Amino acid sequence: MVGQFFRNALFQVSLNVLVKGVYLFGVERVVQNTLPAGDYGLYFSLLGLGMLFQVIADFGLQLYNSRELSGHRHLLGKYFPYFLGTKLLLGLVFFVLLLGAGWWLGYRGAELTLLVLAGLAQFANSLVLYLRSNLAGMGRFALDGWFSILDKVLLIATVGGLLWFAPAELTVLRFAALQFLSWGLTALLLFLALRQRLPRRLPRFRWPTVLLLLLRGGPFALSVFLVVAYTKLDGVMIERLLPDGATAASHYAAAYRLLDALNIFGWLLAGLLLPMYARLYARGESLLPLLRFSVQLLLAGGLCAAIPLATYRHEIVGALYHFAEPRTGHILLFLAGSFVAQCLNYAYGSLLSATGYIGQMNGIFTLGIVLNLAGNWWAIHHYGAPGAAAVTFLTQAFVAALQAVLAHRWLGLPGTAVAWWRLALLLSVLLVGAAVLRWPAMAPVWWLGLPVLAMLGAAATLLLGLVDLRRLRELGADAGARAVAKSSDGK
C-alpha cells in the first residue's frame, strides 16, 4: 500500500514540476518576450509589492487550519464559516493597505489598475491556499495535488491560446486579468469540492472567534511576512529607484524565473523534512542523521544546479530571452549563488521550525530585512539590478549561515555532523570542471557542456558519499506512510 501511494505521490510531484515548468518557460517567458519592454518588469515589481501585504490576507490561517484539521477533521464544518469570514475581512484590509502603499509609492493611472489586478490575483491565490489546506487536513492528498496545478493549467490554456492565435492582442493588463480569473475559478471549484462538508450559512462573523484565529495564526504570519520581505523587496526597489526601473526589473524578473524553477524542488523537500524533524524531536530521538542527510542532499543538489547555471549564464539568458543583455547574465550569476544559500535555509529552517524556534527565526529574518534594505538602497544606486542580485545573494548567505550556526548551538548539535569538507571538495570539482568546459574551443557547444557539468557534479556527489541513496528511499517511503496513515484516519 505504501509503495503504491509513493508511486502515486511521485507521479503527482512529477506532474506538478512538469506543469509549472511548462508554464514558467512555455507561457510566462513568452509573455515577457512578447510584451513591450518594461511592461513585465512593472508587473513583476507590483507582484512583489503585493506579496509583502499578502501575508495580511492569509495571516497564518492556512498553516494553522491545516495543522488543526489534521488531528480534528470533524471541526471543518464548525469553523470553516468563521475562517471564511475572517479571510474576507483580512482581504479588505489587504486591499486598503496595498492601494495605500501603491499611491504613496507614486503609482497612478494604468499602474494603479495593474496593481488592483495583481492584488485581486494574490487574494484569490491566498483563498486557494486556504481552501487547499482543508483538503490536506482531511487527508485528501490526491485531490489537493490536482488542484495544486489547476491554476497553471488554466493559464496555459488561456494565455497560451492567446499567444498562439492572437499574440498582438496580449497586454500586461490582460495577462494580469487572466491570472486573476484562473485563481478565482480554481477557488470556486475548490469551494464546490468542499461544499458537502460545509454548513449552508456562509460566511459567519463573530469577533471573539475572529480574534482567536488571528492570535493563533499570528506567529505563522509574522514568519511568512519576514521571509517574503527580505526576498521580494528587491524587485520593488529596482523599479522605483532606477531611471529605467521597469526595464531593469524586467531583466531581474527574467533571471529570477530560473530561480523560481529551481526552488520548486527545494520547497518540496522542505515540506517533507519539517514533520519528520518534529516527530523525531517529540520522541526525543537523535536529529543528527536526518540533519546530515538533508543538509548534504540540499547543498549538493544546489551546487550541481547553481554552478552550471552560473557558468553558462549569458548563453542561457540569451537562448531564453530576445532582450537579454550582459546585465541579465550578471543578475543570474548572483541569483544562482543565492539558490545554494536558500538550500541551506530549507534544511536549517525546517529544523528550527519543527523544534519551536520560530521566534528566534523571526529575529534572524528581521536582521535580514534590515541588511537587504540598506544594501539594496546603496547597491541599486551604484550597480543597478545586478547590485540588487548581489545583495540578495549576500543576504541569503548571511541568514543561512546564521541559522546554521545558531541551530547547532541552540540544539547542542556538533558542527562535524555535516561533512562540510566533502561539500567543499564537491565545489572544487565543479569549479575545475567549469573552468575546463569554458575553454574557448568548447564555446560553440555550450549546450552540451551544461548537462556534462551537471552530471559531473552528480557523479562526484555519489563518489564522495554526500547522498545516502538508502536514506533517500526511506524518506520517500516515510512520506508515503504518513500520508497513507492520514488518509486512512479520514475514511
Protein backbone atom coordinates (compact mmCIF):
# COMPACT_ATOMS: atom_id res chain seq x y z
CA MET A 1 0.00 0.00 0.00
CA VAL A 2 2.80 2.37 0.93
CA GLY A 3 4.63 1.53 -2.27
CA GLN A 4 1.52 2.20 -4.33
CA PHE A 5 0.93 5.52 -2.57
CA PHE A 6 4.54 6.58 -3.05
CA ARG A 7 4.30 5.84 -6.77
CA ASN A 8 1.15 7.98 -6.92
CA ALA A 9 2.83 10.73 -4.91
CA LEU A 10 5.85 10.63 -7.20
CA PHE A 11 3.53 10.92 -10.19
CA GLN A 12 1.80 13.94 -8.64
CA VAL A 13 5.12 15.65 -7.88
CA SER A 14 6.38 14.94 -11.40
CA LEU A 15 3.16 16.30 -12.86
CA ASN A 16 3.46 19.41 -10.69
CA VAL A 17 7.02 20.05 -11.81
CA LEU A 18 6.10 19.39 -15.45
CA VAL A 19 3.06 21.70 -15.49
CA LYS A 20 4.78 24.51 -13.61
CA GLY A 21 7.85 24.14 -15.81
CA VAL A 22 5.71 24.40 -18.95
CA TYR A 23 4.01 27.47 -17.51
CA LEU A 24 7.22 29.22 -16.44
CA PHE A 25 9.15 28.67 -19.65
CA GLY A 26 6.46 27.92 -22.23
CA VAL A 27 4.00 30.65 -21.26
CA GLU A 28 5.33 33.21 -18.78
CA ARG A 29 8.69 33.53 -20.56
CA VAL A 30 6.96 34.00 -23.92
CA VAL A 31 4.66 36.61 -22.37
CA GLN A 32 7.69 38.59 -21.23
CA ASN A 33 9.29 38.29 -24.68
CA THR A 34 6.03 39.43 -26.33
CA LEU A 35 5.14 42.42 -24.15
CA PRO A 36 6.73 45.85 -24.73
CA ALA A 37 9.98 46.46 -22.87
CA GLY A 38 9.37 47.29 -19.23
CA ASP A 39 5.73 46.17 -19.02
CA TYR A 40 6.52 42.83 -17.44
CA GLY A 41 9.11 44.43 -15.16
CA LEU A 42 6.44 46.79 -13.82
CA TYR A 43 4.09 43.87 -13.20
CA PHE A 44 6.88 41.89 -11.52
CA SER A 45 7.56 44.76 -9.11
CA LEU A 46 3.83 45.19 -8.37
CA LEU A 47 3.54 41.47 -7.63
CA GLY A 48 6.47 41.83 -5.25
CA LEU A 49 4.72 44.73 -3.52
CA GLY A 50 1.54 42.68 -3.30
CA MET A 51 3.38 39.73 -1.79
CA LEU A 52 4.62 41.97 1.03
CA PHE A 53 0.99 42.57 2.00
CA GLN A 54 -0.40 39.16 1.04
CA VAL A 55 0.52 37.86 4.47
CA ILE A 56 -2.29 40.08 5.79
CA ALA A 57 -4.78 38.33 3.51
CA ASP A 58 -3.74 34.96 4.96
CA PHE A 59 -2.38 35.86 8.43
CA GLY A 60 -1.16 32.33 9.05
CA LEU A 61 -4.66 30.85 8.73
CA GLN A 62 -3.59 28.34 6.08
CA LEU A 63 -0.88 26.73 8.22
CA TYR A 64 -2.93 26.88 11.41
CA ASN A 65 -6.00 25.40 9.71
CA SER A 66 -4.05 22.55 8.11
CA ARG A 67 -2.45 21.64 11.43
CA GLU A 68 -5.76 21.72 13.35
CA LEU A 69 -7.74 19.72 10.78
CA SER A 70 -5.05 17.02 10.60
CA GLY A 71 -5.94 15.98 14.14
CA HIS A 72 -9.58 17.11 14.33
CA ARG A 73 -11.24 16.68 10.94
CA HIS A 74 -14.75 16.93 12.38
CA LEU A 75 -14.10 20.64 13.05
CA LEU A 76 -14.23 21.58 9.35
CA GLY A 77 -17.97 22.31 9.25
CA LYS A 78 -17.88 24.10 12.60
CA TYR A 79 -15.01 26.50 11.99
CA PHE A 80 -14.98 26.95 8.20
CA PRO A 81 -17.63 29.75 8.21
CA TYR A 82 -15.55 31.74 10.71
CA PHE A 83 -12.32 31.11 8.83
CA LEU A 84 -14.01 32.30 5.63
CA GLY A 85 -15.45 35.38 7.33
CA THR A 86 -12.03 36.23 8.75
CA LYS A 87 -10.45 35.76 5.32
CA LEU A 88 -12.89 38.24 3.77
CA LEU A 89 -12.19 40.83 6.47
CA LEU A 90 -8.45 40.35 6.03
CA GLY A 91 -8.88 40.67 2.26
CA LEU A 92 -10.48 44.08 2.73
CA VAL A 93 -7.62 45.22 4.97
CA PHE A 94 -5.14 43.81 2.43
CA PHE A 95 -6.61 45.88 -0.40
CA VAL A 96 -6.74 49.10 1.63
CA LEU A 97 -3.08 48.76 2.65
CA LEU A 98 -1.91 47.63 -0.80
CA LEU A 99 -3.57 50.51 -2.63
CA GLY A 100 -2.44 52.96 0.03
CA ALA A 101 1.15 51.78 -0.34
CA GLY A 102 0.88 51.93 -4.13
CA TRP A 103 -0.41 55.50 -4.01
CA TRP A 104 2.33 56.51 -1.55
CA LEU A 105 4.99 55.00 -3.84
CA GLY A 106 3.72 57.07 -6.76
CA TYR A 107 1.71 54.59 -8.83
CA ARG A 108 -1.06 56.28 -10.82
CA GLY A 109 -3.45 55.58 -13.71
CA ALA A 110 -2.79 52.32 -15.56
CA GLU A 111 -0.12 51.40 -12.99
CA LEU A 112 -2.73 51.55 -10.23
CA THR A 113 -5.15 49.48 -12.34
CA LEU A 114 -2.43 46.86 -12.78
CA LEU A 115 -1.81 46.92 -9.03
CA VAL A 116 -5.52 46.25 -8.40
CA LEU A 117 -5.43 43.24 -10.75
CA ALA A 118 -2.24 41.97 -9.10
CA GLY A 119 -3.90 42.35 -5.70
CA LEU A 120 -7.04 40.51 -6.83
CA ALA A 121 -4.92 37.66 -8.19
CA GLN A 122 -2.95 37.40 -4.96
CA PHE A 123 -6.04 37.45 -2.77
CA ALA A 124 -7.56 34.70 -4.92
CA ASN A 125 -4.27 32.81 -4.57
CA SER A 126 -4.45 33.19 -0.79
CA LEU A 127 -8.04 31.88 -0.84
CA VAL A 128 -6.97 28.88 -2.94
CA LEU A 129 -4.17 28.03 -0.50
CA TYR A 130 -6.58 28.22 2.44
CA LEU A 131 -9.19 26.03 0.71
CA ARG A 132 -6.49 23.53 -0.25
CA SER A 133 -5.36 23.38 3.39
CA ASN A 134 -8.81 21.94 4.16
CA LEU A 135 -8.29 19.15 1.63
CA ALA A 136 -4.82 18.40 3.02
CA GLY A 137 -6.11 18.49 6.59
CA MET A 138 -8.79 15.94 5.69
CA GLY A 139 -6.19 13.66 4.08
CA ARG A 140 -7.46 14.12 0.51
CA PHE A 141 -3.94 14.47 -0.85
CA ALA A 142 -4.64 13.24 -4.37
CA LEU A 143 -7.39 15.81 -4.94
CA ASP A 144 -5.21 18.50 -3.36
CA GLY A 145 -2.42 17.56 -5.77
CA TRP A 146 -4.65 18.06 -8.79
CA PHE A 147 -5.89 21.41 -7.50
CA SER A 148 -2.27 22.49 -6.97
CA ILE A 149 -1.76 22.59 -10.74
CA LEU A 150 -5.23 23.67 -11.89
CA ASP A 151 -4.46 27.40 -11.98
CA LYS A 152 -1.38 26.80 -14.13
CA VAL A 153 -3.32 24.50 -16.45
CA LEU A 154 -5.92 27.24 -16.91
CA LEU A 155 -3.21 29.81 -17.61
CA ILE A 156 -1.50 27.53 -20.11
CA ALA A 157 -4.85 27.12 -21.90
CA THR A 158 -5.94 30.78 -21.82
CA VAL A 159 -2.70 32.75 -22.05
CA GLY A 160 -1.12 30.07 -24.22
CA GLY A 161 -4.10 30.19 -26.56
CA LEU A 162 -3.87 33.97 -26.78
CA LEU A 163 -0.15 33.76 -27.55
CA TRP A 164 -0.78 31.14 -30.21
CA PHE A 165 -3.77 32.65 -32.01
CA ALA A 166 -3.58 36.40 -31.32
CA PRO A 167 -0.26 37.44 -29.76
CA ALA A 168 -0.80 41.07 -30.81
CA GLU A 169 -3.85 41.20 -28.51
CA LEU A 170 -1.81 40.36 -25.41
CA THR A 171 -1.29 43.24 -22.98
CA VAL A 172 0.05 43.22 -19.45
CA LEU A 173 -3.44 44.13 -18.17
CA ARG A 174 -5.00 41.15 -19.97
CA PHE A 175 -2.28 38.86 -18.65
CA ALA A 176 -2.92 40.07 -15.09
CA ALA A 177 -6.69 39.68 -15.56
CA LEU A 178 -6.28 36.11 -16.82
CA GLN A 179 -4.12 35.30 -13.79
CA PHE A 180 -6.87 36.58 -11.50
CA LEU A 181 -9.54 34.62 -13.37
CA SER A 182 -7.51 31.39 -13.20
CA TRP A 183 -7.06 31.71 -9.43
CA GLY A 184 -10.70 32.75 -8.98
CA LEU A 185 -12.03 29.77 -10.94
CA THR A 186 -9.73 27.43 -9.01
CA ALA A 187 -11.06 28.85 -5.72
CA LEU A 188 -14.67 28.38 -6.89
CA LEU A 189 -14.08 24.76 -7.89
CA LEU A 190 -12.32 24.09 -4.58
CA PHE A 191 -15.29 25.51 -2.70
CA LEU A 192 -17.65 23.23 -4.66
CA ALA A 193 -15.43 20.23 -3.84
CA LEU A 194 -15.74 21.05 -0.12
CA ARG A 195 -19.42 22.10 -0.19
CA GLN A 196 -20.87 18.79 1.02
CA ARG A 197 -18.88 19.04 4.25
CA LEU A 198 -19.90 22.66 4.94
CA PRO A 199 -22.94 24.28 6.59
CA ARG A 200 -25.34 26.33 4.50
CA ARG A 201 -24.75 29.64 6.23
CA LEU A 202 -21.51 31.14 4.91
CA PRO A 203 -19.60 33.19 5.93
CA ARG A 204 -20.02 33.97 9.64
CA PHE A 205 -18.57 36.80 11.68
CA ARG A 206 -18.07 36.55 15.41
CA TRP A 207 -15.47 38.90 16.83
CA PRO A 208 -14.20 36.66 19.69
CA THR A 209 -13.66 33.84 17.17
CA VAL A 210 -12.02 36.18 14.64
CA LEU A 211 -9.63 37.50 17.29
CA LEU A 212 -8.82 33.95 18.42
CA LEU A 213 -7.99 32.90 14.86
CA LEU A 214 -5.78 35.95 14.38
CA LEU A 215 -3.93 35.25 17.62
CA ARG A 216 -3.37 31.60 16.69
CA GLY A 217 -2.23 32.41 13.15
CA GLY A 218 -0.12 35.44 14.13
CA PRO A 219 3.24 33.69 14.71
CA PHE A 220 3.00 31.91 11.35
CA ALA A 221 2.01 35.17 9.63
CA LEU A 222 4.97 37.08 11.04
CA SER A 223 7.43 34.42 9.93
CA VAL A 224 5.98 34.34 6.39
CA PHE A 225 6.00 38.14 6.15
CA LEU A 226 9.63 38.43 7.21
CA VAL A 227 10.77 35.78 4.72
CA VAL A 228 8.82 37.39 1.87
CA ALA A 229 10.01 40.87 2.82
CA TYR A 230 13.72 40.17 2.56
CA THR A 231 13.31 38.15 -0.67
CA LYS A 232 10.81 40.34 -2.58
CA LEU A 233 11.83 43.90 -1.70
CA ASP A 234 14.49 43.96 -4.41
CA GLY A 235 12.06 43.95 -7.36
CA VAL A 236 10.06 46.86 -5.92
CA MET A 237 13.19 48.89 -5.13
CA ILE A 238 14.71 48.31 -8.59
CA GLU A 239 11.56 49.57 -10.32
CA ARG A 240 11.21 52.63 -8.07
CA LEU A 241 14.86 53.71 -7.64
CA LEU A 242 16.31 53.41 -11.16
CA PRO A 243 15.58 55.79 -14.07
CA ASP A 244 14.88 52.76 -16.30
CA GLY A 245 13.29 50.92 -13.38
CA ALA A 246 10.64 48.97 -15.30
CA THR A 247 13.16 47.73 -17.89
CA ALA A 248 15.72 46.86 -15.21
CA ALA A 249 13.04 44.97 -13.29
CA SER A 250 12.26 43.03 -16.49
CA HIS A 251 15.85 41.78 -16.64
CA TYR A 252 15.71 40.90 -12.94
CA ALA A 253 12.42 39.01 -13.44
CA ALA A 254 13.89 37.12 -16.40
CA ALA A 255 16.75 35.77 -14.28
CA TYR A 256 14.53 35.24 -11.25
CA ARG A 257 12.30 32.89 -13.25
CA LEU A 258 15.13 30.34 -13.30
CA LEU A 259 15.46 30.66 -9.54
CA ASP A 260 11.71 30.07 -9.16
CA ALA A 261 12.02 26.89 -11.21
CA LEU A 262 14.84 25.55 -9.03
CA ASN A 263 13.01 26.43 -5.83
CA ILE A 264 10.16 24.06 -6.71
CA PHE A 265 12.39 21.16 -5.64
CA GLY A 266 13.64 22.90 -2.50
CA TRP A 267 10.13 23.60 -1.28
CA LEU A 268 9.02 20.03 -1.94
CA LEU A 269 11.84 18.56 0.13
CA ALA A 270 11.47 21.15 2.90
CA GLY A 271 7.79 20.23 3.16
CA LEU A 272 8.78 16.61 3.82
CA LEU A 273 11.51 17.46 6.30
CA LEU A 274 9.52 19.63 8.72
CA PRO A 275 7.11 16.94 10.02
CA MET A 276 9.94 14.40 10.18
CA TYR A 277 12.06 16.73 12.33
CA ALA A 278 9.02 17.44 14.52
CA ARG A 279 8.35 13.75 15.09
CA LEU A 280 11.98 12.98 15.97
CA TYR A 281 12.11 15.94 18.36
CA ALA A 282 8.84 14.97 20.06
CA ARG A 283 10.10 11.41 20.59
CA GLY A 284 13.45 12.58 21.91
CA GLU A 285 15.30 10.79 19.11
CA SER A 286 18.55 11.99 17.54
CA LEU A 287 18.22 14.71 14.92
CA LEU A 288 21.73 14.21 13.57
CA PRO A 289 21.12 11.52 10.90
CA LEU A 290 18.28 13.47 9.29
CA LEU A 291 20.18 16.76 9.58
CA ARG A 292 23.27 15.26 7.93
CA PHE A 293 21.19 13.73 5.17
CA SER A 294 19.12 16.86 4.44
CA VAL A 295 21.97 19.39 4.51
CA GLN A 296 24.22 17.28 2.30
CA LEU A 297 21.41 16.42 -0.13
CA LEU A 298 20.18 20.01 -0.46
CA LEU A 299 23.61 21.64 -0.67
CA ALA A 300 24.99 19.05 -3.09
CA GLY A 301 21.91 19.39 -5.27
CA GLY A 302 22.09 23.17 -5.03
CA LEU A 303 25.73 23.23 -6.12
CA CYS A 304 25.10 20.81 -9.00
CA ALA A 305 22.35 23.13 -10.28
CA ALA A 306 23.87 26.54 -9.47
CA ILE A 307 27.41 26.09 -10.82
CA PRO A 308 26.31 25.05 -14.36
CA LEU A 309 23.71 27.84 -14.32
CA ALA A 310 26.32 30.42 -13.32
CA THR A 311 28.92 29.06 -15.75
CA TYR A 312 26.64 29.37 -18.79
CA ARG A 313 24.59 32.32 -17.53
CA HIS A 314 24.97 34.51 -20.62
CA GLU A 315 24.27 31.68 -23.04
CA ILE A 316 21.18 30.59 -21.08
CA VAL A 317 19.53 34.01 -20.85
CA GLY A 318 20.44 34.67 -24.49
CA ALA A 319 18.65 31.50 -25.54
CA LEU A 320 15.57 32.25 -23.43
CA TYR A 321 15.06 35.98 -23.96
CA HIS A 322 15.44 38.12 -27.08
CA PHE A 323 16.04 41.23 -24.92
CA ALA A 324 18.86 39.67 -22.87
CA GLU A 325 21.89 41.85 -22.15
CA PRO A 326 25.13 41.28 -20.23
CA ARG A 327 23.41 42.56 -17.08
CA THR A 328 20.79 39.79 -17.37
CA GLY A 329 23.59 37.24 -17.12
CA HIS A 330 25.23 39.12 -14.23
CA ILE A 331 21.93 39.03 -12.34
CA LEU A 332 21.62 35.28 -12.93
CA LEU A 333 25.16 34.74 -11.60
CA PHE A 334 24.26 36.13 -8.17
CA LEU A 335 20.80 34.57 -8.08
CA ALA A 336 22.33 31.16 -8.80
CA GLY A 337 24.55 31.67 -5.76
CA SER A 338 21.54 32.70 -3.68
CA PHE A 339 19.87 29.38 -4.55
CA VAL A 340 22.67 27.49 -2.78
CA ALA A 341 22.13 29.68 0.29
CA GLN A 342 18.38 29.04 0.09
CA CYS A 343 19.04 25.30 0.08
CA LEU A 344 20.86 25.69 3.40
CA ASN A 345 17.91 27.76 4.63
CA TYR A 346 15.50 24.98 3.68
CA ALA A 347 17.44 22.44 5.74
CA TYR A 348 18.00 24.50 8.89
CA GLY A 349 14.75 26.47 8.62
CA SER A 350 12.77 23.22 8.70
CA LEU A 351 14.79 22.06 11.70
CA LEU A 352 14.29 25.27 13.69
CA SER A 353 10.58 25.49 12.84
CA ALA A 354 9.98 21.89 13.90
CA THR A 355 11.78 22.36 17.21
CA GLY A 356 9.90 25.50 18.23
CA TYR A 357 12.40 28.25 17.44
CA ILE A 358 10.05 30.33 15.26
CA GLY A 359 10.50 33.42 17.44
CA GLN A 360 14.29 33.25 17.15
CA MET A 361 13.99 32.68 13.39
CA ASN A 362 11.87 35.81 13.12
CA GLY A 363 14.68 37.75 14.77
CA ILE A 364 17.14 36.43 12.16
CA PHE A 365 14.74 37.31 9.33
CA THR A 366 14.28 40.82 10.73
CA LEU A 367 18.03 41.32 10.64
CA GLY A 368 17.99 40.02 7.06
CA ILE A 369 15.38 42.65 6.10
CA VAL A 370 17.49 45.46 7.57
CA LEU A 371 20.57 44.28 5.68
CA ASN A 372 18.58 43.80 2.47
CA LEU A 373 17.01 47.26 2.63
CA ALA A 374 20.27 49.05 3.42
CA GLY A 375 22.26 47.01 0.91
CA ASN A 376 19.73 47.49 -1.88
CA TRP A 377 19.49 51.23 -1.28
CA TRP A 378 23.23 51.55 -1.81
CA ALA A 379 23.83 48.84 -4.43
CA ILE A 380 20.93 49.72 -6.74
CA HIS A 381 22.05 53.34 -6.98
CA HIS A 382 25.63 52.28 -7.79
CA TYR A 383 25.27 48.99 -9.71
CA GLY A 384 21.63 48.75 -10.79
CA ALA A 385 19.76 45.44 -10.92
CA PRO A 386 22.95 43.28 -10.74
CA GLY A 387 23.76 45.09 -7.50
CA ALA A 388 20.36 44.09 -6.10
CA ALA A 389 21.01 40.47 -7.09
CA ALA A 390 24.37 40.60 -5.30
CA VAL A 391 22.66 41.93 -2.16
CA THR A 392 20.10 39.12 -2.41
CA PHE A 393 22.92 36.58 -2.52
CA LEU A 394 24.76 38.14 0.43
CA THR A 395 21.57 38.45 2.50
CA GLN A 396 20.54 34.85 1.83
CA ALA A 397 24.05 33.62 2.62
CA PHE A 398 24.16 35.61 5.87
CA VAL A 399 20.73 34.39 7.03
CA ALA A 400 21.55 30.78 6.07
CA ALA A 401 24.91 30.79 7.86
CA LEU A 402 23.42 32.41 10.97
CA GLN A 403 20.58 29.89 11.09
CA ALA A 404 23.03 27.01 10.71
CA VAL A 405 25.41 28.23 13.43
CA LEU A 406 22.63 29.04 15.89
CA ALA A 407 20.76 25.79 15.20
CA HIS A 408 23.85 23.80 16.18
CA ARG A 409 24.29 25.95 19.29
CA TRP A 410 20.64 26.00 20.44
CA LEU A 411 20.09 22.28 19.87
CA GLY A 412 23.52 21.18 21.04
CA LEU A 413 24.42 19.58 17.71
CA PRO A 414 28.10 19.10 16.80
CA GLY A 415 29.31 21.05 13.78
CA THR A 416 31.05 17.93 12.49
CA ALA A 417 27.66 16.26 11.96
CA VAL A 418 27.74 17.52 8.37
CA ALA A 419 30.61 16.59 6.03
CA TRP A 420 31.48 20.21 5.19
CA TRP A 421 34.87 19.23 3.78
CA ARG A 422 33.22 16.88 1.28
CA LEU A 423 30.89 19.67 0.19
CA ALA A 424 33.92 21.92 -0.27
CA LEU A 425 35.55 19.19 -2.35
CA LEU A 426 32.41 18.92 -4.50
CA LEU A 427 32.51 22.67 -5.06
CA SER A 428 36.16 22.42 -6.11
CA VAL A 429 35.38 19.61 -8.58
CA LEU A 430 32.57 21.66 -10.12
CA LEU A 431 34.70 24.81 -10.39
CA VAL A 432 37.55 22.90 -12.06
CA GLY A 433 35.06 21.24 -14.41
CA ALA A 434 33.55 24.64 -15.23
CA ALA A 435 36.98 26.09 -16.00
CA VAL A 436 37.80 23.20 -18.35
CA LEU A 437 34.44 23.34 -20.13
CA ARG A 438 34.76 27.11 -20.61
CA TRP A 439 37.78 26.51 -22.82
CA PRO A 440 37.29 28.68 -25.95
CA ALA A 441 37.11 25.63 -28.20
CA MET A 442 34.04 24.46 -26.25
CA ALA A 443 32.11 27.72 -26.70
CA PRO A 444 30.08 26.60 -29.78
CA VAL A 445 28.75 23.56 -27.90
CA TRP A 446 27.90 25.21 -24.58
CA TRP A 447 24.54 23.41 -24.67
CA LEU A 448 26.50 20.17 -24.33
CA GLY A 449 28.75 21.49 -21.57
CA LEU A 450 25.75 22.40 -19.39
CA PRO A 451 24.46 18.83 -18.81
CA VAL A 452 28.02 17.45 -18.73
CA LEU A 453 28.89 19.76 -15.84
CA ALA A 454 25.69 18.85 -14.01
CA MET A 455 26.37 15.12 -14.47
CA LEU A 456 29.96 15.61 -13.28
CA GLY A 457 28.57 17.14 -10.10
CA ALA A 458 26.07 14.31 -9.64
CA ALA A 459 28.80 11.68 -10.09
CA ALA A 460 31.10 13.48 -7.64
CA THR A 461 28.24 13.71 -5.14
CA LEU A 462 27.79 9.94 -5.19
CA LEU A 463 31.52 9.16 -5.15
CA LEU A 464 32.06 11.46 -2.17
CA GLY A 465 29.23 9.76 -0.29
CA LEU A 466 27.31 13.00 0.19
CA VAL A 467 23.92 11.44 -0.56
CA ASP A 468 22.77 8.23 1.06
CA LEU A 469 20.50 6.62 -1.54
CA ARG A 470 19.09 4.21 1.03
CA ARG A 471 18.10 7.14 3.24
CA LEU A 472 16.57 8.90 0.24
CA ARG A 473 14.35 5.87 -0.41
CA GLU A 474 13.41 5.81 3.29
CA LEU A 475 12.44 9.48 3.08
CA GLY A 476 10.05 8.72 0.25
CA ALA A 477 8.64 5.66 1.98
CA ASP A 478 8.20 7.62 5.21
CA ALA A 479 6.33 10.39 3.41
CA GLY A 480 4.10 7.78 1.82
CA ALA A 481 3.45 6.03 5.13
CA ARG A 482 2.47 9.27 6.85
CA ALA A 483 0.10 10.23 4.07
CA VAL A 484 -1.47 6.77 3.92
CA ALA A 485 -1.99 6.82 7.70
CA LYS A 486 -3.66 10.23 7.50
CA SER A 487 -5.82 9.13 4.60
CA SER A 488 -6.91 6.01 6.49
CA ASP A 489 -7.83 8.08 9.55
CA GLY A 490 -10.14 10.20 7.43
CA LYS A 491 -12.16 7.32 5.99
